[in-house]
Amino acid sequence: NENKFADVAYATPFYLKDYQATQP
């Protein structure tokens, strides 16, 4: 209703923190 839309091309997930892979 408020026309609060995201950009389809540039929308990215809001992770809050960078992903840190762990060594198996």
mmCIF file of all heavy atoms, coordinates in Angstrom:
data_MODEL
# 
_entry.id   MODEL 
# 
loop_
_atom_site.group_PDB 
_atom_site.id 
_atom_site.type_symbol 
_atom_site.label_atom_id 
_atom_site.label_alt_id 
_atom_site.label_comp_id 
_atom_site.label_asym_id 
_atom_site.label_entity_id 
_atom_site.label_seq_id 
_atom_site.pdbx_PDB_ins_code 
_atom_site.Cartn_x 
_atom_site.Cartn_y 
_atom_site.Cartn_z 
_atom_site.occupancy 
_atom_site.B_iso_or_equiv 
_atom_site.pdbx_formal_charge 
_atom_site.auth_seq_id 
_atom_site.auth_comp_id 
_atom_site.auth_asym_id 
_atom_site.auth_atom_id 
_atom_site.pdbx_PDB_model_num 
ATOM 1   N N   . ASN A 1 1  ? 0.824  -1.214  0.000   1.00 0.00 ? 1  ASN A N   1 
ATOM 2   C CA  . ASN A 1 1  ? 0.000  0.000   0.000   1.00 0.00 ? 1  ASN A CA  1 
ATOM 3   C C   . ASN A 1 1  ? 0.856  1.261   0.000   1.00 0.00 ? 1  ASN A C   1 
ATOM 4   O O   . ASN A 1 1  ? 0.464  2.297   -0.533  1.00 0.00 ? 1  ASN A O   1 
ATOM 5   C CB  . ASN A 1 1  ? -0.926 0.006   1.208   1.00 0.00 ? 1  ASN A CB  1 
ATOM 6   C CG  . ASN A 1 1  ? -1.985 -1.084  1.148   1.00 0.00 ? 1  ASN A CG  1 
ATOM 7   O OD1 . ASN A 1 1  ? -2.240 -1.658  0.089   1.00 0.00 ? 1  ASN A OD1 1 
ATOM 8   N ND2 . ASN A 1 1  ? -2.589 -1.387  2.277   1.00 0.00 ? 1  ASN A ND2 1 
ATOM 9   N N   . GLU A 1 2  ? 2.046  1.157   0.645   1.00 0.00 ? 2  GLU A N   1 
ATOM 10  C CA  . GLU A 1 2  ? 2.945  2.311   0.745   1.00 0.00 ? 2  GLU A CA  1 
ATOM 11  C C   . GLU A 1 2  ? 3.983  2.351   -0.371  1.00 0.00 ? 2  GLU A C   1 
ATOM 12  O O   . GLU A 1 2  ? 4.867  3.212   -0.359  1.00 0.00 ? 2  GLU A O   1 
ATOM 13  C CB  . GLU A 1 2  ? 3.638  2.274   2.106   1.00 0.00 ? 2  GLU A CB  1 
ATOM 14  C CG  . GLU A 1 2  ? 2.677  2.435   3.281   1.00 0.00 ? 2  GLU A CG  1 
ATOM 15  C CD  . GLU A 1 2  ? 3.361  2.237   4.629   1.00 0.00 ? 2  GLU A CD  1 
ATOM 16  O OE1 . GLU A 1 2  ? 4.568  1.871   4.645   1.00 0.00 ? 2  GLU A OE1 1 
ATOM 17  O OE2 . GLU A 1 2  ? 2.693  2.435   5.664   1.00 0.00 ? 2  GLU A OE2 1 
ATOM 18  N N   . ASN A 1 3  ? 3.878  1.414   -1.332  1.00 0.00 ? 3  ASN A N   1 
ATOM 19  C CA  . ASN A 1 3  ? 4.824  1.333   -2.450  1.00 0.00 ? 3  ASN A CA  1 
ATOM 20  C C   . ASN A 1 3  ? 6.278  1.184   -1.985  1.00 0.00 ? 3  ASN A C   1 
ATOM 21  O O   . ASN A 1 3  ? 7.192  1.751   -2.586  1.00 0.00 ? 3  ASN A O   1 
ATOM 22  C CB  . ASN A 1 3  ? 4.703  2.562   -3.365  1.00 0.00 ? 3  ASN A CB  1 
ATOM 23  C CG  . ASN A 1 3  ? 3.375  2.616   -4.095  1.00 0.00 ? 3  ASN A CG  1 
ATOM 24  O OD1 . ASN A 1 3  ? 2.888  1.602   -4.588  1.00 0.00 ? 3  ASN A OD1 1 
ATOM 25  N ND2 . ASN A 1 3  ? 2.773  3.787   -4.149  1.00 0.00 ? 3  ASN A ND2 1 
ATOM 26  N N   . LYS A 1 4  ? 6.480  0.420   -0.922  1.00 0.00 ? 4  LYS A N   1 
ATOM 27  C CA  . LYS A 1 4  ? 7.826  0.190   -0.397  1.00 0.00 ? 4  LYS A CA  1 
ATOM 28  C C   . LYS A 1 4  ? 8.373  -1.087  -1.018  1.00 0.00 ? 4  LYS A C   1 
ATOM 29  O O   . LYS A 1 4  ? 8.285  -2.173  -0.447  1.00 0.00 ? 4  LYS A O   1 
ATOM 30  C CB  . LYS A 1 4  ? 7.793  0.105   1.134   1.00 0.00 ? 4  LYS A CB  1 
ATOM 31  C CG  . LYS A 1 4  ? 7.425  1.415   1.803   1.00 0.00 ? 4  LYS A CG  1 
ATOM 32  C CD  . LYS A 1 4  ? 7.266  1.274   3.309   1.00 0.00 ? 4  LYS A CD  1 
ATOM 33  C CE  . LYS A 1 4  ? 8.565  0.937   3.991   1.00 0.00 ? 4  LYS A CE  1 
ATOM 34  N NZ  . LYS A 1 4  ? 8.431  0.957   5.478   1.00 0.00 ? 4  LYS A NZ  1 
ATOM 35  N N   . PHE A 1 5  ? 8.915  -0.924  -2.212  1.00 0.00 ? 5  PHE A N   1 
ATOM 36  C CA  . PHE A 1 5  ? 9.382  -2.065  -2.992  1.00 0.00 ? 5  PHE A CA  1 
ATOM 37  C C   . PHE A 1 5  ? 10.902 -2.109  -3.046  1.00 0.00 ? 5  PHE A C   1 
ATOM 38  O O   . PHE A 1 5  ? 11.573 -1.077  -2.963  1.00 0.00 ? 5  PHE A O   1 
ATOM 39  C CB  . PHE A 1 5  ? 8.809  -2.007  -4.408  1.00 0.00 ? 5  PHE A CB  1 
ATOM 40  C CG  . PHE A 1 5  ? 7.296  -1.949  -4.455  1.00 0.00 ? 5  PHE A CG  1 
ATOM 41  C CD1 . PHE A 1 5  ? 6.651  -1.032  -5.274  1.00 0.00 ? 5  PHE A CD1 1 
ATOM 42  C CD2 . PHE A 1 5  ? 6.542  -2.795  -3.675  1.00 0.00 ? 5  PHE A CD2 1 
ATOM 43  C CE1 . PHE A 1 5  ? 5.268  -0.968  -5.314  1.00 0.00 ? 5  PHE A CE1 1 
ATOM 44  C CE2 . PHE A 1 5  ? 5.146  -2.747  -3.705  1.00 0.00 ? 5  PHE A CE2 1 
ATOM 45  C CZ  . PHE A 1 5  ? 4.511  -1.828  -4.531  1.00 0.00 ? 5  PHE A CZ  1 
ATOM 46  N N   . ALA A 1 6  ? 11.425 -3.320  -3.189  1.00 0.00 ? 6  ALA A N   1 
ATOM 47  C CA  . ALA A 1 6  ? 12.873 -3.507  -3.319  1.00 0.00 ? 6  ALA A CA  1 
ATOM 48  C C   . ALA A 1 6  ? 13.251 -3.534  -4.795  1.00 0.00 ? 6  ALA A C   1 
ATOM 49  O O   . ALA A 1 6  ? 12.409 -3.780  -5.667  1.00 0.00 ? 6  ALA A O   1 
ATOM 50  C CB  . ALA A 1 6  ? 13.293 -4.805  -2.636  1.00 0.00 ? 6  ALA A CB  1 
ATOM 51  N N   . ASP A 1 7  ? 14.519 -3.275  -5.070  1.00 0.00 ? 7  ASP A N   1 
ATOM 52  C CA  . ASP A 1 7  ? 15.046 -3.348  -6.430  1.00 0.00 ? 7  ASP A CA  1 
ATOM 53  C C   . ASP A 1 7  ? 15.284 -4.810  -6.771  1.00 0.00 ? 7  ASP A C   1 
ATOM 54  O O   . ASP A 1 7  ? 16.098 -5.484  -6.124  1.00 0.00 ? 7  ASP A O   1 
ATOM 55  C CB  . ASP A 1 7  ? 16.344 -2.551  -6.528  1.00 0.00 ? 7  ASP A CB  1 
ATOM 56  C CG  . ASP A 1 7  ? 16.818 -2.400  -7.956  1.00 0.00 ? 7  ASP A CG  1 
ATOM 57  O OD1 . ASP A 1 7  ? 17.022 -3.437  -8.632  1.00 0.00 ? 7  ASP A OD1 1 
ATOM 58  O OD2 . ASP A 1 7  ? 17.009 -1.250  -8.405  1.00 0.00 ? 7  ASP A OD2 1 
ATOM 59  N N   . VAL A 1 8  ? 14.574 -5.312  -7.780  1.00 0.00 ? 8  VAL A N   1 
ATOM 60  C CA  . VAL A 1 8  ? 14.677 -6.729  -8.129  1.00 0.00 ? 8  VAL A CA  1 
ATOM 61  C C   . VAL A 1 8  ? 16.103 -7.106  -8.519  1.00 0.00 ? 8  VAL A C   1 
ATOM 62  O O   . VAL A 1 8  ? 16.583 -8.193  -8.188  1.00 0.00 ? 8  VAL A O   1 
ATOM 63  C CB  . VAL A 1 8  ? 13.692 -7.078  -9.265  1.00 0.00 ? 8  VAL A CB  1 
ATOM 64  C CG1 . VAL A 1 8  ? 13.874 -8.524  -9.714  1.00 0.00 ? 8  VAL A CG1 1 
ATOM 65  C CG2 . VAL A 1 8  ? 12.254 -6.844  -8.817  1.00 0.00 ? 8  VAL A CG2 1 
ATOM 66  N N   . ALA A 1 9  ? 16.795 -6.215  -9.175  1.00 0.00 ? 9  ALA A N   1 
ATOM 67  C CA  . ALA A 1 9  ? 18.150 -6.532  -9.644  1.00 0.00 ? 9  ALA A CA  1 
ATOM 68  C C   . ALA A 1 9  ? 19.172 -6.518  -8.524  1.00 0.00 ? 9  ALA A C   1 
ATOM 69  O O   . ALA A 1 9  ? 20.106 -7.322  -8.515  1.00 0.00 ? 9  ALA A O   1 
ATOM 70  C CB  . ALA A 1 9  ? 18.559 -5.550  -10.746 1.00 0.00 ? 9  ALA A CB  1 
ATOM 71  N N   . TYR A 1 10 ? 19.015 -5.605  -7.564  1.00 0.00 ? 10 TYR A N   1 
ATOM 72  C CA  . TYR A 1 10 ? 20.085 -5.372  -6.597  1.00 0.00 ? 10 TYR A CA  1 
ATOM 73  C C   . TYR A 1 10 ? 19.763 -5.789  -5.165  1.00 0.00 ? 10 TYR A C   1 
ATOM 74  O O   . TYR A 1 10 ? 20.609 -5.632  -4.285  1.00 0.00 ? 10 TYR A O   1 
ATOM 75  C CB  . TYR A 1 10 ? 20.472 -3.888  -6.617  1.00 0.00 ? 10 TYR A CB  1 
ATOM 76  C CG  . TYR A 1 10 ? 21.056 -3.456  -7.938  1.00 0.00 ? 10 TYR A CG  1 
ATOM 77  C CD1 . TYR A 1 10 ? 20.301 -2.712  -8.851  1.00 0.00 ? 10 TYR A CD1 1 
ATOM 78  C CD2 . TYR A 1 10 ? 22.349 -3.815  -8.295  1.00 0.00 ? 10 TYR A CD2 1 
ATOM 79  C CE1 . TYR A 1 10 ? 20.835 -2.319  -10.074 1.00 0.00 ? 10 TYR A CE1 1 
ATOM 80  C CE2 . TYR A 1 10 ? 22.881 -3.427  -9.513  1.00 0.00 ? 10 TYR A CE2 1 
ATOM 81  C CZ  . TYR A 1 10 ? 22.125 -2.677  -10.392 1.00 0.00 ? 10 TYR A CZ  1 
ATOM 82  O OH  . TYR A 1 10 ? 22.654 -2.309  -11.602 1.00 0.00 ? 10 TYR A OH  1 
ATOM 83  N N   . ALA A 1 11 ? 18.576 -6.310  -4.915  1.00 0.00 ? 11 ALA A N   1 
ATOM 84  C CA  . ALA A 1 11 ? 18.230 -6.744  -3.560  1.00 0.00 ? 11 ALA A CA  1 
ATOM 85  C C   . ALA A 1 11 ? 19.144 -7.889  -3.113  1.00 0.00 ? 11 ALA A C   1 
ATOM 86  O O   . ALA A 1 11 ? 19.410 -8.818  -3.878  1.00 0.00 ? 11 ALA A O   1 
ATOM 87  C CB  . ALA A 1 11 ? 16.771 -7.191  -3.500  1.00 0.00 ? 11 ALA A CB  1 
ATOM 88  N N   . THR A 1 12 ? 19.631 -7.809  -1.893  1.00 0.00 ? 12 THR A N   1 
ATOM 89  C CA  . THR A 1 12 ? 20.495 -8.844  -1.326  1.00 0.00 ? 12 THR A CA  1 
ATOM 90  C C   . THR A 1 12 ? 19.995 -9.214  0.062   1.00 0.00 ? 12 THR A C   1 
ATOM 91  O O   . THR A 1 12 ? 19.329 -8.410  0.728   1.00 0.00 ? 12 THR A O   1 
ATOM 92  C CB  . THR A 1 12 ? 21.960 -8.371  -1.218  1.00 0.00 ? 12 THR A CB  1 
ATOM 93  O OG1 . THR A 1 12 ? 22.010 -7.187  -0.409  1.00 0.00 ? 12 THR A OG1 1 
ATOM 94  C CG2 . THR A 1 12 ? 22.544 -8.090  -2.586  1.00 0.00 ? 12 THR A CG2 1 
ATOM 95  N N   . PRO A 1 13 ? 20.320 -10.426 0.544   1.00 0.00 ? 13 PRO A N   1 
ATOM 96  C CA  . PRO A 1 13 ? 19.900 -10.810 1.894   1.00 0.00 ? 13 PRO A CA  1 
ATOM 97  C C   . PRO A 1 13 ? 20.536 -9.917  2.950   1.00 0.00 ? 13 PRO A C   1 
ATOM 98  O O   . PRO A 1 13 ? 21.658 -9.446  2.800   1.00 0.00 ? 13 PRO A O   1 
ATOM 99  C CB  . PRO A 1 13 ? 20.400 -12.254 2.027   1.00 0.00 ? 13 PRO A CB  1 
ATOM 100 C CG  . PRO A 1 13 ? 20.570 -12.738 0.625   1.00 0.00 ? 13 PRO A CG  1 
ATOM 101 C CD  . PRO A 1 13 ? 20.986 -11.539 -0.161  1.00 0.00 ? 13 PRO A CD  1 
ATOM 102 N N   . PHE A 1 14 ? 19.803 -9.700  4.026   1.00 0.00 ? 14 PHE A N   1 
ATOM 103 C CA  . PHE A 1 14 ? 20.287 -8.899  5.152   1.00 0.00 ? 14 PHE A CA  1 
ATOM 104 C C   . PHE A 1 14 ? 20.876 -9.861  6.184   1.00 0.00 ? 14 PHE A C   1 
ATOM 105 O O   . PHE A 1 14 ? 20.197 -10.330 7.081   1.00 0.00 ? 14 PHE A O   1 
ATOM 106 C CB  . PHE A 1 14 ? 19.134 -8.097  5.745   1.00 0.00 ? 14 PHE A CB  1 
ATOM 107 C CG  . PHE A 1 14 ? 19.518 -7.236  6.918   1.00 0.00 ? 14 PHE A CG  1 
ATOM 108 C CD1 . PHE A 1 14 ? 20.601 -6.375  6.852   1.00 0.00 ? 14 PHE A CD1 1 
ATOM 109 C CD2 . PHE A 1 14 ? 18.778 -7.280  8.088   1.00 0.00 ? 14 PHE A CD2 1 
ATOM 110 C CE1 . PHE A 1 14 ? 20.956 -5.577  7.937   1.00 0.00 ? 14 PHE A CE1 1 
ATOM 111 C CE2 . PHE A 1 14 ? 19.118 -6.489  9.172   1.00 0.00 ? 14 PHE A CE2 1 
ATOM 112 C CZ  . PHE A 1 14 ? 20.209 -5.640  9.090   1.00 0.00 ? 14 PHE A CZ  1 
ATOM 113 N N   . TYR A 1 15 ? 22.174 -10.147 6.029   1.00 0.00 ? 15 TYR A N   1 
ATOM 114 C CA  . TYR A 1 15 ? 22.802 -11.145 6.885   1.00 0.00 ? 15 TYR A CA  1 
ATOM 115 C C   . TYR A 1 15 ? 23.138 -10.610 8.274   1.00 0.00 ? 15 TYR A C   1 
ATOM 116 O O   . TYR A 1 15 ? 23.197 -11.362 9.228   1.00 0.00 ? 15 TYR A O   1 
ATOM 117 C CB  . TYR A 1 15 ? 24.102 -11.637 6.243   1.00 0.00 ? 15 TYR A CB  1 
ATOM 118 C CG  . TYR A 1 15 ? 23.913 -12.434 4.981   1.00 0.00 ? 15 TYR A CG  1 
ATOM 119 C CD1 . TYR A 1 15 ? 24.617 -12.119 3.826   1.00 0.00 ? 15 TYR A CD1 1 
ATOM 120 C CD2 . TYR A 1 15 ? 23.046 -13.518 4.935   1.00 0.00 ? 15 TYR A CD2 1 
ATOM 121 C CE1 . TYR A 1 15 ? 24.466 -12.862 2.664   1.00 0.00 ? 15 TYR A CE1 1 
ATOM 122 C CE2 . TYR A 1 15 ? 22.877 -14.270 3.785   1.00 0.00 ? 15 TYR A CE2 1 
ATOM 123 C CZ  . TYR A 1 15 ? 23.604 -13.929 2.642   1.00 0.00 ? 15 TYR A CZ  1 
ATOM 124 O OH  . TYR A 1 15 ? 23.448 -14.670 1.503   1.00 0.00 ? 15 TYR A OH  1 
ATOM 125 N N   . LEU A 1 16 ? 23.419 -9.344  8.407   1.00 0.00 ? 16 LEU A N   1 
ATOM 126 C CA  . LEU A 1 16 ? 23.921 -8.697  9.620   1.00 0.00 ? 16 LEU A CA  1 
ATOM 127 C C   . LEU A 1 16 ? 25.387 -8.994  9.877   1.00 0.00 ? 16 LEU A C   1 
ATOM 128 O O   . LEU A 1 16 ? 26.129 -8.170  10.373  1.00 0.00 ? 16 LEU A O   1 
ATOM 129 C CB  . LEU A 1 16 ? 23.099 -9.081  10.861  1.00 0.00 ? 16 LEU A CB  1 
ATOM 130 C CG  . LEU A 1 16 ? 22.008 -8.120  11.295  1.00 0.00 ? 16 LEU A CG  1 
ATOM 131 C CD1 . LEU A 1 16 ? 21.340 -8.585  12.574  1.00 0.00 ? 16 LEU A CD1 1 
ATOM 132 C CD2 . LEU A 1 16 ? 22.526 -6.711  11.492  1.00 0.00 ? 16 LEU A CD2 1 
ATOM 133 N N   . LYS A 1 17 ? 25.832 -10.217 9.563   1.00 0.00 ? 17 LYS A N   1 
ATOM 134 C CA  . LYS A 1 17 ? 27.240 -10.584 9.718   1.00 0.00 ? 17 LYS A CA  1 
ATOM 135 C C   . LYS A 1 17 ? 27.697 -11.323 8.475   1.00 0.00 ? 17 LYS A C   1 
ATOM 136 O O   . LYS A 1 17 ? 26.908 -12.008 7.831   1.00 0.00 ? 17 LYS A O   1 
ATOM 137 C CB  . LYS A 1 17 ? 27.444 -11.501 10.935  1.00 0.00 ? 17 LYS A CB  1 
ATOM 138 C CG  . LYS A 1 17 ? 27.349 -10.826 12.282  1.00 0.00 ? 17 LYS A CG  1 
ATOM 139 C CD  . LYS A 1 17 ? 27.533 -11.823 13.403  1.00 0.00 ? 17 LYS A CD  1 
ATOM 140 C CE  . LYS A 1 17 ? 28.899 -12.486 13.335  1.00 0.00 ? 17 LYS A CE  1 
ATOM 141 N NZ  . LYS A 1 17 ? 29.101 -13.437 14.460  1.00 0.00 ? 17 LYS A NZ  1 
ATOM 142 N N   . ASP A 1 18 ? 28.976 -11.185 8.149   1.00 0.00 ? 18 ASP A N   1 
ATOM 143 C CA  . ASP A 1 18 ? 29.528 -11.935 7.035   1.00 0.00 ? 18 ASP A CA  1 
ATOM 144 C C   . ASP A 1 18 ? 29.558 -13.411 7.370   1.00 0.00 ? 18 ASP A C   1 
ATOM 145 O O   . ASP A 1 18 ? 29.786 -13.820 8.515   1.00 0.00 ? 18 ASP A O   1 
ATOM 146 C CB  . ASP A 1 18 ? 30.955 -11.471 6.706   1.00 0.00 ? 18 ASP A CB  1 
ATOM 147 C CG  . ASP A 1 18 ? 30.977 -10.056 6.147   1.00 0.00 ? 18 ASP A CG  1 
ATOM 148 O OD1 . ASP A 1 18 ? 29.953 -9.651  5.566   1.00 0.00 ? 18 ASP A OD1 1 
ATOM 149 O OD2 . ASP A 1 18 ? 32.010 -9.385  6.309   1.00 0.00 ? 18 ASP A OD2 1 
ATOM 150 N N   . TYR A 1 19 ? 29.312 -14.213 6.345   1.00 0.00 ? 19 TYR A N   1 
ATOM 151 C CA  . TYR A 1 19 ? 29.355 -15.667 6.530   1.00 0.00 ? 19 TYR A CA  1 
ATOM 152 C C   . TYR A 1 19 ? 30.779 -16.111 6.816   1.00 0.00 ? 19 TYR A C   1 
ATOM 153 O O   . TYR A 1 19 ? 31.731 -15.666 6.181   1.00 0.00 ? 19 TYR A O   1 
ATOM 154 C CB  . TYR A 1 19 ? 28.849 -16.379 5.267   1.00 0.00 ? 19 TYR A CB  1 
ATOM 155 C CG  . TYR A 1 19 ? 28.957 -17.893 5.343   1.00 0.00 ? 19 TYR A CG  1 
ATOM 156 C CD1 . TYR A 1 19 ? 28.141 -18.617 6.192   1.00 0.00 ? 19 TYR A CD1 1 
ATOM 157 C CD2 . TYR A 1 19 ? 29.881 -18.569 4.552   1.00 0.00 ? 19 TYR A CD2 1 
ATOM 158 C CE1 . TYR A 1 19 ? 28.226 -19.998 6.253   1.00 0.00 ? 19 TYR A CE1 1 
ATOM 159 C CE2 . TYR A 1 19 ? 29.965 -19.948 4.602   1.00 0.00 ? 19 TYR A CE2 1 
ATOM 160 C CZ  . TYR A 1 19 ? 29.142 -20.656 5.453   1.00 0.00 ? 19 TYR A CZ  1 
ATOM 161 O OH  . TYR A 1 19 ? 29.226 -22.019 5.500   1.00 0.00 ? 19 TYR A OH  1 
ATOM 162 N N   . GLN A 1 20 ? 30.923 -16.987 7.814   1.00 0.00 ? 20 GLN A N   1 
ATOM 163 C CA  . GLN A 1 20 ? 32.228 -17.531 8.151   1.00 0.00 ? 20 GLN A CA  1 
ATOM 164 C C   . GLN A 1 20 ? 32.183 -19.043 8.023   1.00 0.00 ? 20 GLN A C   1 
ATOM 165 O O   . GLN A 1 20 ? 31.540 -19.725 8.824   1.00 0.00 ? 20 GLN A O   1 
ATOM 166 C CB  . GLN A 1 20 ? 32.624 -17.134 9.594   1.00 0.00 ? 20 GLN A CB  1 
ATOM 167 C CG  . GLN A 1 20 ? 32.833 -15.643 9.759   1.00 0.00 ? 20 GLN A CG  1 
ATOM 168 C CD  . GLN A 1 20 ? 33.225 -15.287 11.177  1.00 0.00 ? 20 GLN A CD  1 
ATOM 169 O OE1 . GLN A 1 20 ? 33.056 -16.059 12.110  1.00 0.00 ? 20 GLN A OE1 1 
ATOM 170 N NE2 . GLN A 1 20 ? 33.781 -14.099 11.346  1.00 0.00 ? 20 GLN A NE2 1 
ATOM 171 N N   . ALA A 1 21 ? 32.863 -19.541 7.006   1.00 0.00 ? 21 ALA A N   1 
ATOM 172 C CA  . ALA A 1 21 ? 32.899 -20.990 6.805   1.00 0.00 ? 21 ALA A CA  1 
ATOM 173 C C   . ALA A 1 21 ? 33.815 -21.618 7.844   1.00 0.00 ? 21 ALA A C   1 
ATOM 174 O O   . ALA A 1 21 ? 34.819 -21.046 8.255   1.00 0.00 ? 21 ALA A O   1 
ATOM 175 C CB  . ALA A 1 21 ? 33.411 -21.317 5.398   1.00 0.00 ? 21 ALA A CB  1 
ATOM 176 N N   . THR A 1 22 ? 33.450 -22.816 8.289   1.00 0.00 ? 22 THR A N   1 
ATOM 177 C CA  . THR A 1 22 ? 34.277 -23.528 9.259   1.00 0.00 ? 22 THR A CA  1 
ATOM 178 C C   . THR A 1 22 ? 35.007 -24.659 8.580   1.00 0.00 ? 22 THR A C   1 
ATOM 179 O O   . THR A 1 22 ? 34.524 -25.241 7.606   1.00 0.00 ? 22 THR A O   1 
ATOM 180 C CB  . THR A 1 22 ? 33.418 -24.102 10.396  1.00 0.00 ? 22 THR A CB  1 
ATOM 181 O OG1 . THR A 1 22 ? 32.396 -24.936 9.833   1.00 0.00 ? 22 THR A OG1 1 
ATOM 182 C CG2 . THR A 1 22 ? 32.743 -22.977 11.178  1.00 0.00 ? 22 THR A CG2 1 
ATOM 183 N N   . GLN A 1 23 ? 36.189 -24.963 9.070   1.00 0.00 ? 23 GLN A N   1 
ATOM 184 C CA  . GLN A 1 23 ? 36.991 -26.046 8.510   1.00 0.00 ? 23 GLN A CA  1 
ATOM 185 C C   . GLN A 1 23 ? 36.452 -27.377 8.994   1.00 0.00 ? 23 GLN A C   1 
ATOM 186 O O   . GLN A 1 23 ? 36.362 -27.622 10.196  1.00 0.00 ? 23 GLN A O   1 
ATOM 187 C CB  . GLN A 1 23 ? 38.460 -25.896 8.965   1.00 0.00 ? 23 GLN A CB  1 
ATOM 188 C CG  . GLN A 1 23 ? 39.408 -26.928 8.364   1.00 0.00 ? 23 GLN A CG  1 
ATOM 189 C CD  . GLN A 1 23 ? 39.644 -26.647 6.871   1.00 0.00 ? 23 GLN A CD  1 
ATOM 190 O OE1 . GLN A 1 23 ? 39.536 -25.519 6.423   1.00 0.00 ? 23 GLN A OE1 1 
ATOM 191 N NE2 . GLN A 1 23 ? 39.936 -27.696 6.136   1.00 0.00 ? 23 GLN A NE2 1 
ATOM 192 N N   . PRO A 1 24 ? 36.057 -28.268 8.085   1.00 0.00 ? 24 PRO A N   1 
ATOM 193 C CA  . PRO A 1 24 ? 35.535 -29.567 8.542   1.00 0.00 ? 24 PRO A CA  1 
ATOM 194 C C   . PRO A 1 24 ? 36.633 -30.353 9.231   1.00 0.00 ? 24 PRO A C   1 
ATOM 195 O O   . PRO A 1 24 ? 37.800 -30.290 8.883   1.00 0.00 ? 24 PRO A O   1 
ATOM 196 C CB  . PRO A 1 24 ? 35.106 -30.238 7.225   1.00 0.00 ? 24 PRO A CB  1 
ATOM 197 C CG  . PRO A 1 24 ? 35.880 -29.568 6.162   1.00 0.00 ? 24 PRO A CG  1 
ATOM 198 C CD  . PRO A 1 24 ? 36.089 -28.155 6.634   1.00 0.00 ? 24 PRO A CD  1 
# 
